[in-house]
N, C-alpha and C. Protein backbone atom coordinates (compact mmCIF):
# COMPACT_ATOMS: atom_id res chain seq x y z
N MET A 1 76.55 166.18 53.77
CA MET A 1 75.80 167.28 53.18
C MET A 1 74.30 167.14 53.44
N PHE A 2 73.75 165.96 53.13
CA PHE A 2 72.34 165.69 53.39
C PHE A 2 72.24 164.57 54.43
N LYS A 3 71.52 164.81 55.52
CA LYS A 3 71.32 163.77 56.54
C LYS A 3 70.25 162.79 56.06
N TYR A 4 69.18 163.34 55.52
CA TYR A 4 68.12 162.50 54.96
C TYR A 4 67.32 163.33 53.97
N ILE A 5 66.56 162.65 53.13
CA ILE A 5 65.70 163.31 52.15
C ILE A 5 64.32 162.68 52.25
N THR A 6 63.31 163.50 52.34
CA THR A 6 61.93 163.02 52.36
C THR A 6 61.18 163.62 51.18
N GLY A 7 60.54 162.77 50.41
CA GLY A 7 59.78 163.25 49.27
C GLY A 7 59.07 162.10 48.58
N LYS A 8 58.47 162.39 47.45
CA LYS A 8 57.73 161.37 46.71
C LYS A 8 58.68 160.53 45.85
N VAL A 9 58.47 159.22 45.85
CA VAL A 9 59.27 158.32 45.02
C VAL A 9 58.75 158.45 43.58
N ALA A 10 59.51 159.17 42.76
CA ALA A 10 59.08 159.46 41.38
C ALA A 10 59.49 158.36 40.41
N GLU A 11 60.57 157.64 40.75
CA GLU A 11 61.09 156.61 39.83
C GLU A 11 61.90 155.60 40.62
N LYS A 12 61.85 154.35 40.18
CA LYS A 12 62.67 153.30 40.78
C LYS A 12 63.40 152.55 39.67
N GLY A 13 64.72 152.42 39.81
CA GLY A 13 65.51 151.68 38.84
C GLY A 13 66.07 150.43 39.47
N SER A 14 67.02 149.82 38.80
CA SER A 14 67.60 148.57 39.32
C SER A 14 68.53 148.81 40.51
N ASN A 15 69.08 150.03 40.60
CA ASN A 15 69.99 150.33 41.70
C ASN A 15 69.84 151.76 42.23
N TYR A 16 68.72 152.38 41.94
CA TYR A 16 68.50 153.75 42.40
C TYR A 16 67.01 154.06 42.50
N ILE A 17 66.72 155.14 43.21
CA ILE A 17 65.38 155.69 43.18
C ILE A 17 65.51 157.20 42.99
N VAL A 18 64.47 157.82 42.47
CA VAL A 18 64.44 159.27 42.34
C VAL A 18 63.40 159.80 43.32
N ILE A 19 63.85 160.70 44.20
CA ILE A 19 62.96 161.30 45.19
C ILE A 19 62.65 162.73 44.75
N ASP A 20 61.37 163.01 44.56
CA ASP A 20 60.93 164.34 44.17
C ASP A 20 60.69 165.17 45.42
N VAL A 21 61.51 166.22 45.58
CA VAL A 21 61.36 167.13 46.73
C VAL A 21 61.07 168.53 46.19
N GLY A 22 59.83 168.93 46.27
CA GLY A 22 59.45 170.26 45.79
C GLY A 22 59.74 170.49 44.33
N GLY A 23 59.58 169.47 43.52
CA GLY A 23 59.81 169.61 42.08
C GLY A 23 61.23 169.35 41.63
N VAL A 24 62.11 169.02 42.59
CA VAL A 24 63.49 168.68 42.25
C VAL A 24 63.70 167.19 42.47
N GLY A 25 64.18 166.52 41.44
CA GLY A 25 64.37 165.07 41.54
C GLY A 25 65.78 164.71 41.96
N PHE A 26 65.91 164.08 43.12
CA PHE A 26 67.22 163.64 43.62
C PHE A 26 67.42 162.17 43.27
N MET A 27 68.47 161.87 42.50
CA MET A 27 68.78 160.47 42.21
C MET A 27 69.58 159.90 43.38
N VAL A 28 69.04 158.87 43.98
CA VAL A 28 69.67 158.27 45.15
C VAL A 28 69.99 156.81 44.84
N TYR A 29 71.27 156.48 44.81
CA TYR A 29 71.68 155.10 44.58
C TYR A 29 71.43 154.30 45.86
N THR A 30 70.96 153.09 45.70
CA THR A 30 70.59 152.32 46.89
C THR A 30 70.73 150.82 46.67
N SER A 31 70.41 150.06 47.69
CA SER A 31 70.54 148.60 47.65
C SER A 31 69.23 147.93 47.25
N PHE A 32 69.34 146.67 46.90
CA PHE A 32 68.16 145.86 46.57
C PHE A 32 67.22 145.78 47.79
N SER A 33 67.82 145.72 48.98
CA SER A 33 67.02 145.63 50.21
C SER A 33 66.12 146.84 50.37
N THR A 34 66.67 148.04 50.12
CA THR A 34 65.85 149.25 50.22
C THR A 34 64.82 149.32 49.11
N LEU A 35 65.21 148.90 47.91
CA LEU A 35 64.25 148.91 46.79
C LEU A 35 63.04 148.01 47.07
N GLN A 36 63.27 146.94 47.85
CA GLN A 36 62.20 146.00 48.17
C GLN A 36 61.45 146.38 49.44
N ASP A 37 61.92 147.40 50.14
CA ASP A 37 61.29 147.83 51.39
C ASP A 37 59.88 148.35 51.11
N THR A 38 58.92 147.91 51.89
CA THR A 38 57.52 148.32 51.68
C THR A 38 57.29 149.79 51.99
N SER A 39 58.25 150.44 52.64
CA SER A 39 58.11 151.86 52.94
C SER A 39 58.58 152.73 51.77
N VAL A 40 59.11 152.08 50.74
CA VAL A 40 59.61 152.81 49.56
C VAL A 40 58.78 152.38 48.35
N LEU A 41 57.63 153.01 48.20
CA LEU A 41 56.70 152.63 47.12
C LEU A 41 56.62 153.74 46.09
N LEU A 42 56.56 153.35 44.83
CA LEU A 42 56.47 154.31 43.73
C LEU A 42 55.21 155.17 43.91
N GLY A 43 55.41 156.48 43.86
CA GLY A 43 54.28 157.40 43.98
C GLY A 43 53.95 157.81 45.40
N ALA A 44 54.58 157.17 46.38
CA ALA A 44 54.31 157.48 47.79
C ALA A 44 55.49 158.25 48.39
N ASP A 45 55.24 158.89 49.51
CA ASP A 45 56.31 159.60 50.21
C ASP A 45 57.22 158.61 50.91
N ALA A 46 58.51 158.90 50.92
CA ALA A 46 59.48 158.03 51.58
C ALA A 46 60.63 158.88 52.12
N THR A 47 61.28 158.36 53.14
CA THR A 47 62.47 159.02 53.70
C THR A 47 63.68 158.15 53.44
N MET A 48 64.71 158.76 52.91
CA MET A 48 65.96 158.06 52.65
C MET A 48 67.06 158.69 53.50
N TYR A 49 67.79 157.85 54.24
CA TYR A 49 68.92 158.32 55.03
C TYR A 49 70.14 158.29 54.12
N THR A 50 70.76 159.42 53.94
CA THR A 50 71.69 159.57 52.82
C THR A 50 73.16 159.79 53.19
N TYR A 51 73.99 159.55 52.18
CA TYR A 51 75.44 159.75 52.29
C TYR A 51 75.93 160.29 50.95
N MET A 52 76.58 161.45 50.98
CA MET A 52 77.14 162.02 49.76
C MET A 52 78.54 161.43 49.54
N TYR A 53 78.67 160.65 48.48
CA TYR A 53 79.94 159.97 48.19
C TYR A 53 80.73 160.78 47.19
N ILE A 54 81.86 161.31 47.64
CA ILE A 54 82.70 162.14 46.78
C ILE A 54 84.09 161.52 46.70
N LYS A 55 84.51 161.20 45.49
CA LYS A 55 85.82 160.58 45.30
C LYS A 55 86.26 160.73 43.85
N GLU A 56 87.44 161.31 43.65
CA GLU A 56 88.06 161.43 42.33
C GLU A 56 87.08 161.91 41.25
N GLY A 57 86.46 163.04 41.52
CA GLY A 57 85.54 163.63 40.54
C GLY A 57 84.14 163.06 40.55
N ILE A 58 83.90 162.03 41.37
CA ILE A 58 82.57 161.43 41.48
C ILE A 58 81.83 162.08 42.63
N MET A 59 80.58 162.46 42.41
CA MET A 59 79.75 162.99 43.49
C MET A 59 78.36 162.38 43.36
N ASP A 60 78.17 161.27 44.05
CA ASP A 60 76.90 160.54 43.98
C ASP A 60 76.23 160.54 45.35
N LEU A 61 74.92 160.50 45.32
CA LEU A 61 74.15 160.45 46.56
C LEU A 61 73.65 159.02 46.78
N TYR A 62 74.00 158.45 47.92
CA TYR A 62 73.53 157.11 48.28
C TYR A 62 72.55 157.23 49.44
N GLY A 63 71.55 156.38 49.45
CA GLY A 63 70.57 156.47 50.52
C GLY A 63 69.90 155.14 50.79
N PHE A 64 69.39 155.01 52.02
CA PHE A 64 68.79 153.75 52.45
C PHE A 64 67.55 154.03 53.29
N SER A 65 66.68 153.06 53.35
CA SER A 65 65.41 153.25 54.05
C SER A 65 65.53 153.18 55.56
N THR A 66 66.67 152.67 56.06
CA THR A 66 66.87 152.60 57.51
C THR A 66 68.23 153.17 57.89
N LYS A 67 68.31 153.68 59.12
CA LYS A 67 69.58 154.20 59.63
C LYS A 67 70.60 153.08 59.79
N GLU A 68 70.11 151.87 60.10
CA GLU A 68 71.01 150.73 60.28
C GLU A 68 71.75 150.39 58.99
N GLU A 69 71.02 150.43 57.88
CA GLU A 69 71.65 150.11 56.61
C GLU A 69 72.67 151.19 56.22
N LEU A 70 72.32 152.45 56.48
CA LEU A 70 73.25 153.54 56.21
C LEU A 70 74.51 153.38 57.07
N ARG A 71 74.35 153.05 58.34
CA ARG A 71 75.49 152.89 59.24
C ARG A 71 76.44 151.80 58.75
N LEU A 72 75.87 150.69 58.29
CA LEU A 72 76.71 149.60 57.79
C LEU A 72 77.39 149.99 56.49
N PHE A 73 76.69 150.74 55.65
CA PHE A 73 77.28 151.26 54.41
C PHE A 73 78.50 152.11 54.74
N GLU A 74 78.37 152.99 55.72
CA GLU A 74 79.47 153.87 56.11
C GLU A 74 80.66 153.08 56.63
N LEU A 75 80.40 151.98 57.32
CA LEU A 75 81.48 151.13 57.81
C LEU A 75 82.16 150.39 56.66
N LEU A 76 81.37 149.87 55.75
CA LEU A 76 81.91 149.08 54.64
C LEU A 76 82.84 149.91 53.75
N ILE A 77 82.49 151.17 53.50
CA ILE A 77 83.32 151.97 52.59
C ILE A 77 84.63 152.43 53.25
N THR A 78 84.78 152.17 54.55
CA THR A 78 86.07 152.48 55.19
C THR A 78 87.11 151.39 54.91
N VAL A 79 86.65 150.25 54.42
CA VAL A 79 87.55 149.12 54.14
C VAL A 79 88.27 149.36 52.83
N SER A 80 89.57 149.17 52.85
CA SER A 80 90.38 149.34 51.64
C SER A 80 89.89 148.42 50.52
N GLY A 81 89.64 149.00 49.36
CA GLY A 81 89.20 148.21 48.22
C GLY A 81 87.69 148.08 48.09
N VAL A 82 86.95 148.64 49.06
CA VAL A 82 85.49 148.58 48.99
C VAL A 82 84.95 149.99 48.76
N GLY A 83 84.45 150.22 47.56
CA GLY A 83 83.86 151.52 47.24
C GLY A 83 82.37 151.52 47.54
N ALA A 84 81.71 152.59 47.15
CA ALA A 84 80.28 152.71 47.40
C ALA A 84 79.48 151.62 46.68
N LYS A 85 79.86 151.33 45.44
CA LYS A 85 79.13 150.30 44.68
C LYS A 85 79.32 148.92 45.30
N GLY A 86 80.54 148.65 45.78
CA GLY A 86 80.79 147.37 46.44
C GLY A 86 79.99 147.24 47.73
N ALA A 87 79.92 148.33 48.48
CA ALA A 87 79.16 148.32 49.74
C ALA A 87 77.68 148.07 49.47
N VAL A 88 77.15 148.71 48.43
CA VAL A 88 75.74 148.51 48.06
C VAL A 88 75.51 147.07 47.62
N ALA A 89 76.46 146.49 46.89
CA ALA A 89 76.34 145.10 46.45
C ALA A 89 76.25 144.16 47.66
N ILE A 90 77.06 144.43 48.67
CA ILE A 90 77.05 143.60 49.88
C ILE A 90 75.72 143.76 50.61
N LEU A 91 75.24 145.00 50.71
CA LEU A 91 73.97 145.26 51.40
C LEU A 91 72.77 144.69 50.64
N SER A 92 72.98 144.40 49.36
CA SER A 92 71.89 143.83 48.55
C SER A 92 71.75 142.32 48.75
N VAL A 93 72.76 141.71 49.38
CA VAL A 93 72.75 140.25 49.60
C VAL A 93 71.79 139.84 50.70
N ALA A 94 71.73 140.65 51.77
CA ALA A 94 70.90 140.29 52.93
C ALA A 94 70.62 141.54 53.76
N SER A 95 69.87 141.37 54.84
CA SER A 95 69.54 142.48 55.72
C SER A 95 70.80 142.98 56.44
N PRO A 96 70.81 144.22 56.92
CA PRO A 96 71.98 144.74 57.64
C PRO A 96 72.39 143.86 58.82
N SER A 97 71.41 143.36 59.57
CA SER A 97 71.74 142.53 60.74
C SER A 97 72.40 141.23 60.32
N LYS A 98 71.95 140.64 59.20
CA LYS A 98 72.55 139.39 58.74
C LYS A 98 73.97 139.62 58.21
N ILE A 99 74.17 140.73 57.51
CA ILE A 99 75.50 141.06 57.02
C ILE A 99 76.45 141.28 58.19
N ALA A 100 75.98 142.02 59.19
CA ALA A 100 76.80 142.29 60.37
C ALA A 100 77.14 141.00 61.10
N LEU A 101 76.16 140.13 61.21
CA LEU A 101 76.38 138.85 61.88
C LEU A 101 77.37 138.00 61.08
N SER A 102 77.30 138.09 59.76
CA SER A 102 78.24 137.36 58.90
C SER A 102 79.66 137.84 59.14
N ILE A 103 79.80 139.14 59.35
CA ILE A 103 81.14 139.71 59.57
C ILE A 103 81.71 139.26 60.91
N ILE A 104 80.93 139.35 61.98
CA ILE A 104 81.49 139.01 63.29
C ILE A 104 81.62 137.50 63.49
N SER A 105 80.90 136.72 62.69
CA SER A 105 81.03 135.27 62.78
C SER A 105 81.98 134.73 61.70
N GLU A 106 82.62 135.67 60.98
CA GLU A 106 83.60 135.33 59.95
C GLU A 106 83.02 134.45 58.85
N ASP A 107 81.78 134.72 58.48
CA ASP A 107 81.11 134.01 57.40
C ASP A 107 81.47 134.68 56.07
N VAL A 108 82.65 134.38 55.58
CA VAL A 108 83.17 135.00 54.36
C VAL A 108 82.31 134.65 53.15
N ALA A 109 81.74 133.46 53.14
CA ALA A 109 80.96 133.00 51.99
C ALA A 109 79.78 133.92 51.69
N THR A 110 79.09 134.37 52.72
CA THR A 110 77.94 135.26 52.52
C THR A 110 78.40 136.59 51.93
N ILE A 111 79.49 137.13 52.45
CA ILE A 111 79.98 138.43 51.99
C ILE A 111 80.47 138.36 50.55
N LYS A 112 81.21 137.31 50.20
CA LYS A 112 81.75 137.22 48.84
C LYS A 112 80.69 136.80 47.81
N SER A 113 79.49 136.49 48.28
CA SER A 113 78.41 136.19 47.33
C SER A 113 77.89 137.47 46.67
N ALA A 114 78.30 138.63 47.21
CA ALA A 114 77.91 139.90 46.61
C ALA A 114 78.64 140.10 45.28
N SER A 115 77.96 140.69 44.32
CA SER A 115 78.54 140.93 43.01
C SER A 115 79.78 141.80 43.10
N GLY A 116 80.89 141.32 42.52
CA GLY A 116 82.12 142.09 42.47
C GLY A 116 83.00 142.00 43.71
N ILE A 117 82.57 141.20 44.69
CA ILE A 117 83.34 141.04 45.93
C ILE A 117 84.03 139.67 45.93
N GLY A 118 85.35 139.68 45.86
CA GLY A 118 86.10 138.44 45.85
C GLY A 118 86.44 137.96 47.24
N ALA A 119 87.07 136.80 47.31
CA ALA A 119 87.41 136.19 48.59
C ALA A 119 88.35 137.07 49.42
N LYS A 120 89.36 137.66 48.77
CA LYS A 120 90.32 138.49 49.51
C LYS A 120 89.67 139.73 50.09
N THR A 121 88.80 140.33 49.31
CA THR A 121 88.10 141.53 49.79
C THR A 121 87.17 141.17 50.94
N ALA A 122 86.48 140.04 50.81
CA ALA A 122 85.57 139.59 51.87
C ALA A 122 86.33 139.33 53.16
N GLN A 123 87.51 138.72 53.04
CA GLN A 123 88.34 138.46 54.23
C GLN A 123 88.84 139.76 54.85
N ARG A 124 89.15 140.74 54.00
CA ARG A 124 89.60 142.04 54.49
C ARG A 124 88.47 142.74 55.26
N ILE A 125 87.25 142.61 54.75
CA ILE A 125 86.09 143.21 55.42
C ILE A 125 85.93 142.62 56.82
N VAL A 126 86.04 141.30 56.91
CA VAL A 126 85.93 140.63 58.20
C VAL A 126 87.04 141.10 59.14
N LEU A 127 88.26 141.13 58.62
CA LEU A 127 89.41 141.52 59.43
C LEU A 127 89.30 142.95 59.96
N GLU A 128 88.87 143.87 59.10
CA GLU A 128 88.84 145.28 59.48
C GLU A 128 87.60 145.70 60.25
N LEU A 129 86.49 144.99 60.05
CA LEU A 129 85.24 145.44 60.68
C LEU A 129 84.75 144.58 61.84
N LYS A 130 85.32 143.41 62.00
CA LYS A 130 84.83 142.49 63.04
C LYS A 130 84.80 143.13 64.42
N ASP A 131 85.90 143.74 64.83
CA ASP A 131 85.96 144.36 66.15
C ASP A 131 85.06 145.58 66.26
N LYS A 132 84.96 146.35 65.18
CA LYS A 132 84.11 147.55 65.20
C LYS A 132 82.64 147.17 65.38
N ILE A 133 82.22 146.14 64.64
CA ILE A 133 80.81 145.73 64.72
C ILE A 133 80.53 145.00 66.01
N SER A 134 81.54 144.37 66.57
CA SER A 134 81.36 143.66 67.84
C SER A 134 81.27 144.61 69.03
N SER A 135 81.73 145.86 68.85
CA SER A 135 81.66 146.82 69.94
C SER A 135 80.21 147.12 70.28
N GLU A 136 79.95 147.43 71.52
CA GLU A 136 78.59 147.60 72.01
C GLU A 136 77.79 148.64 71.22
N SER A 137 78.40 149.78 70.92
CA SER A 137 77.66 150.85 70.25
C SER A 137 77.20 150.44 68.86
N ILE A 138 78.08 149.75 68.12
CA ILE A 138 77.71 149.33 66.77
C ILE A 138 76.67 148.22 66.83
N VAL A 139 76.81 147.31 67.77
CA VAL A 139 75.86 146.21 67.90
C VAL A 139 74.47 146.74 68.18
N GLU A 140 74.39 147.77 69.01
CA GLU A 140 73.08 148.36 69.31
C GLU A 140 72.47 148.98 68.07
N ASP A 141 73.32 149.65 67.26
CA ASP A 141 72.82 150.30 66.05
C ASP A 141 72.22 149.30 65.07
N ILE A 142 72.84 148.13 64.93
CA ILE A 142 72.36 147.18 63.94
C ILE A 142 71.53 146.06 64.54
N ASP A 143 71.31 146.15 65.87
CA ASP A 143 70.37 145.28 66.54
C ASP A 143 70.69 143.80 66.39
N ILE A 144 71.93 143.42 66.74
CA ILE A 144 72.30 142.00 66.76
C ILE A 144 72.99 141.70 68.07
N PRO A 145 73.02 140.45 68.50
CA PRO A 145 73.66 140.11 69.76
C PRO A 145 75.16 140.36 69.70
N HIS A 146 75.76 140.62 70.86
CA HIS A 146 77.21 140.77 70.96
C HIS A 146 77.86 139.45 70.58
N GLN A 147 79.04 139.51 70.02
CA GLN A 147 79.75 138.32 69.56
C GLN A 147 79.84 137.26 70.66
N ALA A 148 80.07 137.71 71.90
CA ALA A 148 80.22 136.75 73.00
C ALA A 148 78.91 136.08 73.35
N GLU A 149 77.81 136.61 72.79
CA GLU A 149 76.50 136.09 73.15
C GLU A 149 75.91 135.18 72.08
N ILE A 150 76.66 134.91 71.00
CA ILE A 150 76.06 134.16 69.90
C ILE A 150 76.70 132.79 69.69
N ALA A 151 77.47 132.36 70.66
CA ALA A 151 78.09 131.04 70.53
C ALA A 151 77.01 129.97 70.43
N ASP A 152 77.12 129.14 69.39
CA ASP A 152 76.11 128.11 69.16
C ASP A 152 76.42 126.83 69.93
N THR A 153 76.28 126.87 71.23
CA THR A 153 76.43 125.66 72.02
C THR A 153 75.18 124.82 71.80
N ASP A 154 75.24 123.55 72.18
CA ASP A 154 74.08 122.68 72.02
C ASP A 154 72.89 123.22 72.81
N THR A 155 73.16 123.76 74.00
CA THR A 155 72.09 124.29 74.84
C THR A 155 71.43 125.48 74.17
N VAL A 156 72.23 126.38 73.62
CA VAL A 156 71.71 127.56 72.94
C VAL A 156 70.89 127.16 71.71
N LYS A 157 71.42 126.22 70.95
CA LYS A 157 70.71 125.74 69.75
C LYS A 157 69.35 125.13 70.12
N GLU A 158 69.35 124.33 71.18
CA GLU A 158 68.12 123.67 71.60
C GLU A 158 67.08 124.68 72.07
N ALA A 159 67.52 125.64 72.86
CA ALA A 159 66.60 126.65 73.37
C ALA A 159 66.07 127.52 72.23
N THR A 160 66.96 127.87 71.31
CA THR A 160 66.55 128.70 70.17
C THR A 160 65.55 127.96 69.29
N SER A 161 65.82 126.70 69.03
CA SER A 161 64.92 125.88 68.21
C SER A 161 63.54 125.77 68.85
N ALA A 162 63.52 125.63 70.17
CA ALA A 162 62.25 125.52 70.89
C ALA A 162 61.42 126.80 70.72
N LEU A 163 62.07 127.95 70.78
CA LEU A 163 61.37 129.22 70.62
C LEU A 163 60.86 129.40 69.19
N VAL A 164 61.63 128.91 68.23
CA VAL A 164 61.20 128.99 66.82
C VAL A 164 59.96 128.14 66.62
N VAL A 165 59.94 126.96 67.25
CA VAL A 165 58.77 126.08 67.17
C VAL A 165 57.54 126.77 67.76
N LEU A 166 57.77 127.61 68.77
CA LEU A 166 56.67 128.33 69.43
C LEU A 166 56.18 129.51 68.59
N GLY A 167 56.83 129.74 67.45
CA GLY A 167 56.33 130.78 66.54
C GLY A 167 57.18 132.03 66.42
N TYR A 168 58.29 132.09 67.15
CA TYR A 168 59.15 133.26 67.06
C TYR A 168 60.13 133.09 65.89
N SER A 169 60.58 134.22 65.34
CA SER A 169 61.54 134.15 64.24
C SER A 169 62.90 133.71 64.79
N GLN A 170 63.76 133.26 63.89
CA GLN A 170 65.11 132.84 64.30
C GLN A 170 65.85 133.99 64.97
N ALA A 171 65.71 135.19 64.40
CA ALA A 171 66.39 136.36 64.96
C ALA A 171 65.88 136.70 66.35
N GLU A 172 64.55 136.67 66.52
CA GLU A 172 63.95 136.96 67.83
C GLU A 172 64.40 135.94 68.87
N ALA A 173 64.39 134.67 68.46
CA ALA A 173 64.76 133.60 69.37
C ALA A 173 66.22 133.71 69.80
N ARG A 174 67.11 133.95 68.85
CA ARG A 174 68.54 134.05 69.16
C ARG A 174 68.82 135.23 70.09
N LYS A 175 68.15 136.35 69.82
CA LYS A 175 68.38 137.55 70.62
C LYS A 175 67.90 137.33 72.06
N ALA A 176 66.72 136.70 72.20
CA ALA A 176 66.17 136.46 73.53
C ALA A 176 67.04 135.50 74.32
N VAL A 177 67.50 134.44 73.68
CA VAL A 177 68.36 133.45 74.35
C VAL A 177 69.69 134.09 74.74
N ALA A 178 70.22 134.94 73.85
CA ALA A 178 71.50 135.61 74.14
C ALA A 178 71.40 136.54 75.34
N ALA A 179 70.18 137.03 75.62
CA ALA A 179 70.00 137.98 76.71
C ALA A 179 69.83 137.29 78.08
N VAL A 180 69.69 135.97 78.07
CA VAL A 180 69.52 135.22 79.32
C VAL A 180 70.85 135.12 80.07
N ASP A 181 70.79 135.18 81.37
CA ASP A 181 71.98 135.08 82.22
C ASP A 181 72.80 133.85 81.83
N LYS A 182 74.09 134.06 81.55
CA LYS A 182 74.95 132.97 81.06
C LYS A 182 75.21 131.89 82.12
N SER A 183 74.89 132.21 83.38
CA SER A 183 75.11 131.22 84.43
C SER A 183 74.04 130.13 84.42
N ILE A 184 72.94 130.40 83.71
CA ILE A 184 71.86 129.42 83.61
C ILE A 184 72.21 128.42 82.51
N THR A 185 72.25 127.15 82.86
CA THR A 185 72.64 126.13 81.88
C THR A 185 71.52 125.14 81.56
N ASP A 186 70.45 125.15 82.36
CA ASP A 186 69.33 124.26 82.11
C ASP A 186 68.49 124.78 80.93
N VAL A 187 68.28 123.93 79.94
CA VAL A 187 67.59 124.35 78.72
C VAL A 187 66.19 124.89 79.02
N GLU A 188 65.43 124.17 79.83
CA GLU A 188 64.06 124.60 80.13
C GLU A 188 64.03 125.96 80.82
N GLU A 189 64.99 126.19 81.71
CA GLU A 189 65.04 127.48 82.41
C GLU A 189 65.45 128.59 81.45
N ILE A 190 66.35 128.28 80.53
CA ILE A 190 66.75 129.28 79.52
C ILE A 190 65.54 129.68 78.68
N ILE A 191 64.75 128.69 78.29
CA ILE A 191 63.55 128.95 77.49
C ILE A 191 62.57 129.82 78.27
N ARG A 192 62.38 129.49 79.56
CA ARG A 192 61.45 130.26 80.40
C ARG A 192 61.91 131.72 80.51
N GLN A 193 63.21 131.90 80.74
CA GLN A 193 63.75 133.25 80.88
C GLN A 193 63.67 134.02 79.56
N ALA A 194 63.92 133.32 78.47
CA ALA A 194 63.87 133.95 77.15
C ALA A 194 62.45 134.38 76.81
N LEU A 195 61.49 133.55 77.17
CA LEU A 195 60.07 133.88 76.92
C LEU A 195 59.65 135.15 77.65
N LYS A 196 60.19 135.32 78.86
CA LYS A 196 59.87 136.51 79.63
C LYS A 196 60.34 137.78 78.89
N LYS A 197 61.46 137.65 78.21
CA LYS A 197 62.01 138.79 77.50
C LYS A 197 61.27 139.06 76.19
N LEU A 198 60.59 138.04 75.70
CA LEU A 198 59.84 138.19 74.46
C LEU A 198 58.44 138.76 74.68
N PHE A 199 57.94 138.65 75.90
CA PHE A 199 56.60 139.16 76.20
C PHE A 199 56.63 140.66 76.48
């Protein structure tokens, strides 16, 4: 129904914000990550990418500060046993890229750390979404390396650590190393090639 809403942030709660659009206040349920986003400040204009959740008499509007978070929300609610509130709880644990990486690397512990998400549900999320998130189109949307590119070999770990020491974030380093030709096995050459991609 609504692709996005842009307006003034009139109110912020523990799990929602109110966006004032021309004098009409839209209550938008959201994650802790979006609530902490610096682009969503009380009294300032903000854009929320939204999803109208309709189920068994419930009609709630959910929204997020990034398209990536909305995309992951849409994927999570396709899993049996995961409703909108459960999806928001998972998205409140970490960034969309970290949650996605947890799913494709089968890191059930991170997913079940979300409020109301048990071990069985976390395992179901991994089982049902791993292949979807590993597909090229989804990986591009959430900006994480392809599953085949994130194997933590000793060489990859060493090259990644070297880039982190040089001042790059863990995410930047991993992505750059993953983009290097897999036929290159020399650590120093991997670092050189990765640096070229970071410049």
